[in-house]
Amino acid sequence: MKTQYILLIVVMVALFIAPFVISPSAEYSGADSAVEELISNQGYEPWFSPIWEPPSGEIESLLFALQASIGAIIIGYFVGFEKGKKAKK
């Protein structure tokens, strides 16, 4: 069992490192910036403006991480709840 965990960790690390080894000079930006550039090149104009814009990119990242962690907590709660129900039976 312990060797399985070690093997999984090694595979996970290899999958993380492989893109950097295969193409070390590549620019690894997110898909959001690529799509934004594609849309802006086509002359798209937004229909409305946001009600509130975060003052900086760091605040925007913080809010995104907070949203992701709240979602993970909710999913984890329900997975644990179902597991607890099965263990109780």
PDB file of N, CA and C in Angstrom:
ATOM      1  N   MET A   1       0.826  -1.190   0.000  1.00  0.00           N
ATOM      2  CA  MET A   1       0.000   0.000   0.000  1.00  0.00           C
ATOM      3  C   MET A   1       0.876   1.262   0.000  1.00  0.00           C
ATOM      4  N   LYS A   2       1.932   1.221   0.791  1.00  0.00           N
ATOM      5  CA  LYS A   2       2.823   2.378   0.878  1.00  0.00           C
ATOM      6  C   LYS A   2       3.538   2.625  -0.446  1.00  0.00           C
ATOM      7  N   THR A   3       3.891   1.545  -1.145  1.00  0.00           N
ATOM      8  CA  THR A   3       4.563   1.703  -2.437  1.00  0.00           C
ATOM      9  C   THR A   3       3.625   2.320  -3.474  1.00  0.00           C
ATOM     10  N   GLN A   4       2.336   2.038  -3.367  1.00  0.00           N
ATOM     11  CA  GLN A   4       1.364   2.644  -4.286  1.00  0.00           C
ATOM     12  C   GLN A   4       1.326   4.161  -4.103  1.00  0.00           C
ATOM     13  N   TYR A   5       1.332   4.597  -2.863  1.00  0.00           N
ATOM     14  CA  TYR A   5       1.325   6.036  -2.595  1.00  0.00           C
ATOM     15  C   TYR A   5       2.592   6.699  -3.113  1.00  0.00           C
ATOM     16  N   ILE A   6       3.708   6.052  -2.883  1.00  0.00           N
ATOM     17  CA  ILE A   6       4.979   6.613  -3.372  1.00  0.00           C
ATOM     18  C   ILE A   6       4.972   6.673  -4.891  1.00  0.00           C
ATOM     19  N   LEU A   7       4.475   5.612  -5.535  1.00  0.00           N
ATOM     20  CA  LEU A   7       4.404   5.586  -6.988  1.00  0.00           C
ATOM     21  C   LEU A   7       3.479   6.693  -7.509  1.00  0.00           C
ATOM     22  N   LEU A   8       2.344   6.876  -6.875  1.00  0.00           N
ATOM     23  CA  LEU A   8       1.423   7.940  -7.282  1.00  0.00           C
ATOM     24  C   LEU A   8       2.053   9.321  -7.123  1.00  0.00           C
ATOM     25  N   ILE A   9       2.780   9.536  -6.063  1.00  0.00           N
ATOM     26  CA  ILE A   9       3.449  10.823  -5.847  1.00  0.00           C
ATOM     27  C   ILE A   9       4.515  11.054  -6.903  1.00  0.00           C
ATOM     28  N   VAL A  10       5.278  10.012  -7.239  1.00  0.00           N
ATOM     29  CA  VAL A  10       6.312  10.141  -8.275  1.00  0.00           C
ATOM     30  C   VAL A  10       5.676  10.458  -9.618  1.00  0.00           C
ATOM     31  N   VAL A  11       4.584   9.786  -9.958  1.00  0.00           N
ATOM     32  CA  VAL A  11       3.888  10.058 -11.222  1.00  0.00           C
ATOM     33  C   VAL A  11       3.359  11.483 -11.237  1.00  0.00           C
ATOM     34  N   MET A  12       2.786  11.930 -10.132  1.00  0.00           N
ATOM     35  CA  MET A  12       2.246  13.284 -10.053  1.00  0.00           C
ATOM     36  C   MET A  12       3.346  14.330 -10.239  1.00  0.00           C
ATOM     37  N   VAL A  13       4.468  14.136  -9.594  1.00  0.00           N
ATOM     38  CA  VAL A  13       5.589  15.067  -9.735  1.00  0.00           C
ATOM     39  C   VAL A  13       6.119  15.050 -11.164  1.00  0.00           C
ATOM     40  N   ALA A  14       6.191  13.858 -11.767  1.00  0.00           N
ATOM     41  CA  ALA A  14       6.664  13.749 -13.154  1.00  0.00           C
ATOM     42  C   ALA A  14       5.723  14.475 -14.107  1.00  0.00           C
ATOM     43  N   LEU A  15       4.421  14.346 -13.886  1.00  0.00           N
ATOM     44  CA  LEU A  15       3.452  15.050 -14.737  1.00  0.00           C
ATOM     45  C   LEU A  15       3.561  16.563 -14.568  1.00  0.00           C
ATOM     46  N   PHE A  16       3.898  17.005 -13.389  1.00  0.00           N
ATOM     47  CA  PHE A  16       4.058  18.437 -13.147  1.00  0.00           C
ATOM     48  C   PHE A  16       5.318  18.975 -13.810  1.00  0.00           C
ATOM     49  N   ILE A  17       6.398  18.226 -13.749  1.00  0.00           N
ATOM     50  CA  ILE A  17       7.698  18.689 -14.246  1.00  0.00           C
ATOM     51  C   ILE A  17       7.848  18.503 -15.760  1.00  0.00           C
ATOM     52  N   ALA A  18       7.173  17.517 -16.348  1.00  0.00           N
ATOM     53  CA  ALA A  18       7.348  17.173 -17.766  1.00  0.00           C
ATOM     54  C   ALA A  18       7.202  18.361 -18.717  1.00  0.00           C
ATOM     55  N   PRO A  19       6.178  19.216 -18.592  1.00  0.00           N
ATOM     56  CA  PRO A  19       6.078  20.336 -19.546  1.00  0.00           C
ATOM     57  C   PRO A  19       7.269  21.287 -19.481  1.00  0.00           C
ATOM     58  N   PHE A  20       7.828  21.484 -18.315  1.00  0.00           N
ATOM     59  CA  PHE A  20       8.973  22.377 -18.173  1.00  0.00           C
ATOM     60  C   PHE A  20      10.234  21.771 -18.777  1.00  0.00           C
ATOM     61  N   VAL A  21      10.347  20.454 -18.727  1.00  0.00           N
ATOM     62  CA  VAL A  21      11.506  19.775 -19.305  1.00  0.00           C
ATOM     63  C   VAL A  21      11.373  19.701 -20.830  1.00  0.00           C
ATOM     64  N   ILE A  22      10.162  19.404 -21.299  1.00  0.00           N
ATOM     65  CA  ILE A  22       9.932  19.258 -22.736  1.00  0.00           C
ATOM     66  C   ILE A  22      10.104  20.588 -23.463  1.00  0.00           C
ATOM     67  N   SER A  23       9.551  21.655 -22.894  1.00  0.00           N
ATOM     68  CA  SER A  23       9.615  22.962 -23.552  1.00  0.00           C
ATOM     69  C   SER A  23       9.958  24.037 -22.519  1.00  0.00           C
ATOM     70  N   PRO A  24      11.230  24.169 -22.160  1.00  0.00           N
ATOM     71  CA  PRO A  24      11.607  25.083 -21.081  1.00  0.00           C
ATOM     72  C   PRO A  24      11.423  26.565 -21.419  1.00  0.00           C
ATOM     73  N   SER A  25      11.420  26.927 -22.696  1.00  0.00           N
ATOM     74  CA  SER A  25      11.317  28.347 -23.033  1.00  0.00           C
ATOM     75  C   SER A  25       9.884  28.774 -23.351  1.00  0.00           C
ATOM     76  N   ALA A  26       8.924  27.889 -23.168  1.00  0.00           N
ATOM     77  CA  ALA A  26       7.528  28.220 -23.474  1.00  0.00           C
ATOM     78  C   ALA A  26       6.970  29.185 -22.434  1.00  0.00           C
ATOM     79  N   GLU A  27       5.991  29.963 -22.875  1.00  0.00           N
ATOM     80  CA  GLU A  27       5.324  30.886 -21.955  1.00  0.00           C
ATOM     81  C   GLU A  27       4.064  30.204 -21.450  1.00  0.00           C
ATOM     82  N   TYR A  28       3.994  29.983 -20.148  1.00  0.00           N
ATOM     83  CA  TYR A  28       2.877  29.270 -19.555  1.00  0.00           C
ATOM     84  C   TYR A  28       1.895  30.263 -18.947  1.00  0.00           C
ATOM     85  N   SER A  29       1.086  30.857 -19.800  1.00  0.00           N
ATOM     86  CA  SER A  29       0.032  31.735 -19.304  1.00  0.00           C
ATOM     87  C   SER A  29      -1.277  30.969 -19.369  1.00  0.00           C
ATOM     88  N   GLY A  30      -2.260  31.449 -18.674  1.00  0.00           N
ATOM     89  CA  GLY A  30      -3.526  30.753 -18.618  1.00  0.00           C
ATOM     90  C   GLY A  30      -4.334  30.890 -19.896  1.00  0.00           C
ATOM     91  N   ALA A  31      -5.376  30.102 -19.979  1.00  0.00           N
ATOM     92  CA  ALA A  31      -6.255  30.141 -21.143  1.00  0.00           C
ATOM     93  C   ALA A  31      -7.046  31.447 -21.181  1.00  0.00           C
ATOM     94  N   ASP A  32      -7.262  32.055 -20.016  1.00  0.00           N
ATOM     95  CA  ASP A  32      -8.025  33.304 -19.972  1.00  0.00           C
ATOM     96  C   ASP A  32      -7.369  34.393 -20.806  1.00  0.00           C
ATOM     97  N   SER A  33      -6.065  34.535 -20.676  1.00  0.00           N
ATOM     98  CA  SER A  33      -5.382  35.592 -21.423  1.00  0.00           C
ATOM     99  C   SER A  33      -5.369  35.300 -22.916  1.00  0.00           C
ATOM    100  N   ALA A  34      -5.273  34.032 -23.288  1.00  0.00           N
ATOM    101  CA  ALA A  34      -5.286  33.679 -24.713  1.00  0.00           C
ATOM    102  C   ALA A  34      -6.645  33.976 -25.335  1.00  0.00           C
ATOM    103  N   VAL A  35      -7.708  33.647 -24.624  1.00  0.00           N
ATOM    104  CA  VAL A  35      -9.055  33.913 -25.134  1.00  0.00           C
ATOM    105  C   VAL A  35      -9.322  35.411 -25.169  1.00  0.00           C
ATOM    106  N   GLU A  36      -8.882  36.121 -24.141  1.00  0.00           N
ATOM    107  CA  GLU A  36      -9.075  37.566 -24.114  1.00  0.00           C
ATOM    108  C   GLU A  36      -8.391  38.224 -25.311  1.00  0.00           C
ATOM    109  N   GLU A  37      -7.198  37.780 -25.621  1.00  0.00           N
ATOM    110  CA  GLU A  37      -6.474  38.333 -26.767  1.00  0.00           C
ATOM    111  C   GLU A  37      -7.196  37.995 -28.073  1.00  0.00           C
ATOM    112  N   LEU A  38      -7.695  36.773 -28.199  1.00  0.00           N
ATOM    113  CA  LEU A  38      -8.404  36.352 -29.403  1.00  0.00           C
ATOM    114  C   LEU A  38      -9.682  37.172 -29.607  1.00  0.00           C
ATOM    115  N   ILE A  39     -10.428  37.376 -28.530  1.00  0.00           N
ATOM    116  CA  ILE A  39     -11.679  38.126 -28.625  1.00  0.00           C
ATOM    117  C   ILE A  39     -11.414  39.593 -28.919  1.00  0.00           C
ATOM    118  N   SER A  40     -10.423  40.187 -28.271  1.00  0.00           N
ATOM    119  CA  SER A  40     -10.156  41.610 -28.484  1.00  0.00           C
ATOM    120  C   SER A  40      -9.647  41.869 -29.903  1.00  0.00           C
ATOM    121  N   ASN A  41      -9.000  40.903 -30.530  1.00  0.00           N
ATOM    122  CA  ASN A  41      -8.528  41.064 -31.899  1.00  0.00           C
ATOM    123  C   ASN A  41      -9.673  41.038 -32.912  1.00  0.00           C
ATOM    124  N   GLN A  42     -10.830  40.518 -32.520  1.00  0.00           N
ATOM    125  CA  GLN A  42     -11.972  40.438 -33.424  1.00  0.00           C
ATOM    126  C   GLN A  42     -12.879  41.661 -33.320  1.00  0.00           C
ATOM    127  N   GLY A  43     -12.536  42.615 -32.486  1.00  0.00           N
ATOM    128  CA  GLY A  43     -13.321  43.837 -32.369  1.00  0.00           C
ATOM    129  C   GLY A  43     -14.537  43.717 -31.460  1.00  0.00           C
ATOM    130  N   TYR A  44     -14.554  42.731 -30.590  1.00  0.00           N
ATOM    131  CA  TYR A  44     -15.670  42.541 -29.668  1.00  0.00           C
ATOM    132  C   TYR A  44     -15.701  43.669 -28.637  1.00  0.00           C
ATOM    133  N   GLU A  45     -16.882  44.191 -28.374  1.00  0.00           N
ATOM    134  CA  GLU A  45     -17.058  45.182 -27.317  1.00  0.00           C
ATOM    135  C   GLU A  45     -18.056  44.637 -26.302  1.00  0.00           C
ATOM    136  N   PRO A  46     -17.742  44.699 -25.020  1.00  0.00           N
ATOM    137  CA  PRO A  46     -18.653  44.143 -24.006  1.00  0.00           C
ATOM    138  C   PRO A  46     -19.987  44.891 -23.956  1.00  0.00           C
ATOM    139  N   TRP A  47     -21.026  44.179 -23.574  1.00  0.00           N
ATOM    140  CA  TRP A  47     -22.362  44.763 -23.482  1.00  0.00           C
ATOM    141  C   TRP A  47     -22.528  45.619 -22.237  1.00  0.00           C
ATOM    142  N   PHE A  48     -21.814  45.289 -21.188  1.00  0.00           N
ATOM    143  CA  PHE A  48     -21.944  46.021 -19.929  1.00  0.00           C
ATOM    144  C   PHE A  48     -20.611  46.012 -19.210  1.00  0.00           C
ATOM    145  N   SER A  49     -20.495  46.842 -18.202  1.00  0.00           N
ATOM    146  CA  SER A  49     -19.268  46.875 -17.400  1.00  0.00           C
ATOM    147  C   SER A  49     -19.565  46.256 -16.032  1.00  0.00           C
ATOM    148  N   PRO A  50     -18.556  45.709 -15.373  1.00  0.00           N
ATOM    149  CA  PRO A  50     -18.782  45.084 -14.074  1.00  0.00           C
ATOM    150  C   PRO A  50     -19.234  46.098 -13.019  1.00  0.00           C
ATOM    151  N   ILE A  51     -20.003  45.612 -12.061  1.00  0.00           N
ATOM    152  CA  ILE A  51     -20.468  46.475 -10.974  1.00  0.00           C
ATOM    153  C   ILE A  51     -19.295  46.898 -10.108  1.00  0.00           C
ATOM    154  N   TRP A  52     -18.398  45.941  -9.818  1.00  0.00           N
ATOM    155  CA  TRP A  52     -17.217  46.229  -8.993  1.00  0.00           C
ATOM    156  C   TRP A  52     -16.039  45.479  -9.567  1.00  0.00           C
ATOM    157  N   GLU A  53     -14.939  46.153  -9.713  1.00  0.00           N
ATOM    158  CA  GLU A  53     -13.708  45.516 -10.171  1.00  0.00           C
ATOM    159  C   GLU A  53     -12.707  45.512  -9.033  1.00  0.00           C
ATOM    160  N   PRO A  54     -12.049  44.369  -8.793  1.00  0.00           N
ATOM    161  CA  PRO A  54     -11.046  44.330  -7.735  1.00  0.00           C
ATOM    162  C   PRO A  54      -9.941  45.349  -8.011  1.00  0.00           C
ATOM    163  N   PRO A  55      -9.416  45.972  -6.951  1.00  0.00           N
ATOM    164  CA  PRO A  55      -8.409  47.019  -7.140  1.00  0.00           C
ATOM    165  C   PRO A  55      -7.086  46.515  -7.722  1.00  0.00           C
ATOM    166  N   SER A  56      -6.801  45.212  -7.584  1.00  0.00           N
ATOM    167  CA  SER A  56      -5.533  44.705  -8.126  1.00  0.00           C
ATOM    168  C   SER A  56      -5.690  43.243  -8.508  1.00  0.00           C
ATOM    169  N   GLY A  57      -4.709  42.752  -9.237  1.00  0.00           N
ATOM    170  CA  GLY A  57      -4.709  41.349  -9.633  1.00  0.00           C
ATOM    171  C   GLY A  57      -4.566  40.417  -8.447  1.00  0.00           C
ATOM    172  N   GLU A  58      -3.868  40.875  -7.403  1.00  0.00           N
ATOM    173  CA  GLU A  58      -3.695  40.044  -6.214  1.00  0.00           C
ATOM    174  C   GLU A  58      -5.023  39.836  -5.496  1.00  0.00           C
ATOM    175  N   ILE A  59      -5.829  40.893  -5.416  1.00  0.00           N
ATOM    176  CA  ILE A  59      -7.149  40.779  -4.784  1.00  0.00           C
ATOM    177  C   ILE A  59      -8.041  39.853  -5.605  1.00  0.00           C
ATOM    178  N   GLU A  60      -7.950  39.973  -6.924  1.00  0.00           N
ATOM    179  CA  GLU A  60      -8.725  39.106  -7.802  1.00  0.00           C
ATOM    180  C   GLU A  60      -8.327  37.649  -7.602  1.00  0.00           C
ATOM    181  N   SER A  61      -7.028  37.382  -7.494  1.00  0.00           N
ATOM    182  CA  SER A  61      -6.548  36.018  -7.244  1.00  0.00           C
ATOM    183  C   SER A  61      -6.999  35.522  -5.876  1.00  0.00           C
ATOM    184  N   LEU A  62      -6.975  36.402  -4.884  1.00  0.00           N
ATOM    185  CA  LEU A  62      -7.429  36.032  -3.549  1.00  0.00           C
ATOM    186  C   LEU A  62      -8.896  35.636  -3.566  1.00  0.00           C
ATOM    187  N   LEU A  63      -9.724  36.417  -4.241  1.00  0.00           N
ATOM    188  CA  LEU A  63     -11.150  36.104  -4.307  1.00  0.00           C
ATOM    189  C   LEU A  63     -11.397  34.796  -5.048  1.00  0.00           C
ATOM    190  N   PHE A  64     -10.626  34.557  -6.099  1.00  0.00           N
ATOM    191  CA  PHE A  64     -10.761  33.297  -6.836  1.00  0.00           C
ATOM    192  C   PHE A  64     -10.373  32.120  -5.952  1.00  0.00           C
ATOM    193  N   ALA A  65      -9.263  32.251  -5.218  1.00  0.00           N
ATOM    194  CA  ALA A  65      -8.823  31.177  -4.331  1.00  0.00           C
ATOM    195  C   ALA A  65      -9.836  30.950  -3.208  1.00  0.00           C
ATOM    196  N   LEU A  66     -10.413  32.020  -2.699  1.00  0.00           N
ATOM    197  CA  LEU A  66     -11.435  31.901  -1.657  1.00  0.00           C
ATOM    198  C   LEU A  66     -12.656  31.167  -2.192  1.00  0.00           C
ATOM    199  N   GLN A  67     -13.078  31.512  -3.397  1.00  0.00           N
ATOM    200  CA  GLN A  67     -14.213  30.840  -4.026  1.00  0.00           C
ATOM    201  C   GLN A  67     -13.912  29.355  -4.224  1.00  0.00           C
ATOM    202  N   ALA A  68     -12.724  29.030  -4.680  1.00  0.00           N
ATOM    203  CA  ALA A  68     -12.346  27.630  -4.889  1.00  0.00           C
ATOM    204  C   ALA A  68     -12.307  26.866  -3.571  1.00  0.00           C
ATOM    205  N   SER A  69     -11.781  27.488  -2.516  1.00  0.00           N
ATOM    206  CA  SER A  69     -11.700  26.795  -1.228  1.00  0.00           C
ATOM    207  C   SER A  69     -13.079  26.577  -0.624  1.00  0.00           C
ATOM    208  N   ILE A  70     -13.985  27.538  -0.774  1.00  0.00           N
ATOM    209  CA  ILE A  70     -15.355  27.354  -0.278  1.00  0.00           C
ATOM    210  C   ILE A  70     -16.023  26.208  -1.030  1.00  0.00           C
ATOM    211  N   GLY A  71     -15.826  26.149  -2.338  1.00  0.00           N
ATOM    212  CA  GLY A  71     -16.380  25.048  -3.118  1.00  0.00           C
ATOM    213  C   GLY A  71     -15.809  23.708  -2.689  1.00  0.00           C
ATOM    214  N   ALA A  72     -14.509  23.654  -2.427  1.00  0.00           N
ATOM    215  CA  ALA A  72     -13.877  22.411  -1.983  1.00  0.00           C
ATOM    216  C   ALA A  72     -14.404  21.984  -0.618  1.00  0.00           C
ATOM    217  N   ILE A  73     -14.641  22.941   0.257  1.00  0.00           N
ATOM    218  CA  ILE A  73     -15.188  22.619   1.582  1.00  0.00           C
ATOM    219  C   ILE A  73     -16.585  22.036   1.446  1.00  0.00           C
ATOM    220  N   ILE A  74     -17.406  22.626   0.595  1.00  0.00           N
ATOM    221  CA  ILE A  74     -18.775  22.130   0.403  1.00  0.00           C
ATOM    222  C   ILE A  74     -18.760  20.727  -0.188  1.00  0.00           C
ATOM    223  N   ILE A  75     -17.950  20.516  -1.218  1.00  0.00           N
ATOM    224  CA  ILE A  75     -17.867  19.182  -1.824  1.00  0.00           C
ATOM    225  C   ILE A  75     -17.327  18.172  -0.806  1.00  0.00           C
ATOM    226  N   GLY A  76     -16.291  18.546  -0.068  1.00  0.00           N
ATOM    227  CA  GLY A  76     -15.730  17.654   0.943  1.00  0.00           C
ATOM    228  C   GLY A  76     -16.728  17.298   2.028  1.00  0.00           C
ATOM    229  N   TYR A  77     -17.551  18.262   2.422  1.00  0.00           N
ATOM    230  CA  TYR A  77     -18.571  17.994   3.435  1.00  0.00           C
ATOM    231  C   TYR A  77     -19.544  16.932   2.954  1.00  0.00           C
ATOM    232  N   PHE A  78     -20.049  17.093   1.735  1.00  0.00           N
ATOM    233  CA  PHE A  78     -21.036  16.147   1.240  1.00  0.00           C
ATOM    234  C   PHE A  78     -20.430  14.778   0.961  1.00  0.00           C
ATOM    235  N   VAL A  79     -19.195  14.723   0.491  1.00  0.00           N
ATOM    236  CA  VAL A  79     -18.536  13.423   0.303  1.00  0.00           C
ATOM    237  C   VAL A  79     -18.344  12.748   1.661  1.00  0.00           C
ATOM    238  N   GLY A  80     -17.896  13.489   2.653  1.00  0.00           N
ATOM    239  CA  GLY A  80     -17.737  12.937   3.996  1.00  0.00           C
ATOM    240  C   GLY A  80     -19.053  12.524   4.619  1.00  0.00           C
ATOM    241  N   PHE A  81     -20.095  13.300   4.364  1.00  0.00           N
ATOM    242  CA  PHE A  81     -21.424  12.986   4.892  1.00  0.00           C
ATOM    243  C   PHE A  81     -21.923  11.658   4.332  1.00  0.00           C
ATOM    244  N   GLU A  82     -21.766  11.476   3.021  1.00  0.00           N
ATOM    245  CA  GLU A  82     -22.187  10.224   2.394  1.00  0.00           C
ATOM    246  C   GLU A  82     -21.350   9.050   2.886  1.00  0.00           C
ATOM    247  N   LYS A  83     -20.059   9.255   3.063  1.00  0.00           N
ATOM    248  CA  LYS A  83     -19.198   8.194   3.569  1.00  0.00           C
ATOM    249  C   LYS A  83     -19.596   7.832   5.004  1.00  0.00           C
ATOM    250  N   GLY A  84     -19.926   8.835   5.791  1.00  0.00           N
ATOM    251  CA  GLY A  84     -20.375   8.588   7.165  1.00  0.00           C
ATOM    252  C   GLY A  84     -21.690   7.817   7.207  1.00  0.00           C
ATOM    253  N   LYS A  85     -22.599   8.121   6.285  1.00  0.00           N
ATOM    254  CA  LYS A  85     -23.863   7.388   6.221  1.00  0.00           C
ATOM    255  C   LYS A  85     -23.632   5.919   5.890  1.00  0.00           C
ATOM    256  N   LYS A  86     -22.699   5.666   4.953  1.00  0.00           N
ATOM    257  CA  LYS A  86     -22.402   4.272   4.593  1.00  0.00           C
ATOM    258  C   LYS A  86     -21.721   3.550   5.747  1.00  0.00           C
ATOM    259  N   ALA A  87     -20.838   4.228   6.472  1.00  0.00           N
ATOM    260  CA  ALA A  87     -20.132   3.609   7.599  1.00  0.00           C
ATOM    261  C   ALA A  87     -21.089   3.318   8.743  1.00  0.00           C
ATOM    262  N   LYS A  88     -22.127   4.113   8.883  1.00  0.00           N
ATOM    263  CA  LYS A  88     -23.087   3.933   9.966  1.00  0.00           C
ATOM    264  C   LYS A  88     -23.959   2.684   9.755  1.00  0.00           C
ATOM    265  N   LYS A  89     -24.188   2.356   8.477  1.00  0.00           N
ATOM    266  CA  LYS A  89     -25.040   1.188   8.168  1.00  0.00           C
ATOM    267  C   LYS A  89     -24.380  -0.104   8.445  1.00  0.00           C
TER     268      LYS A  89
END
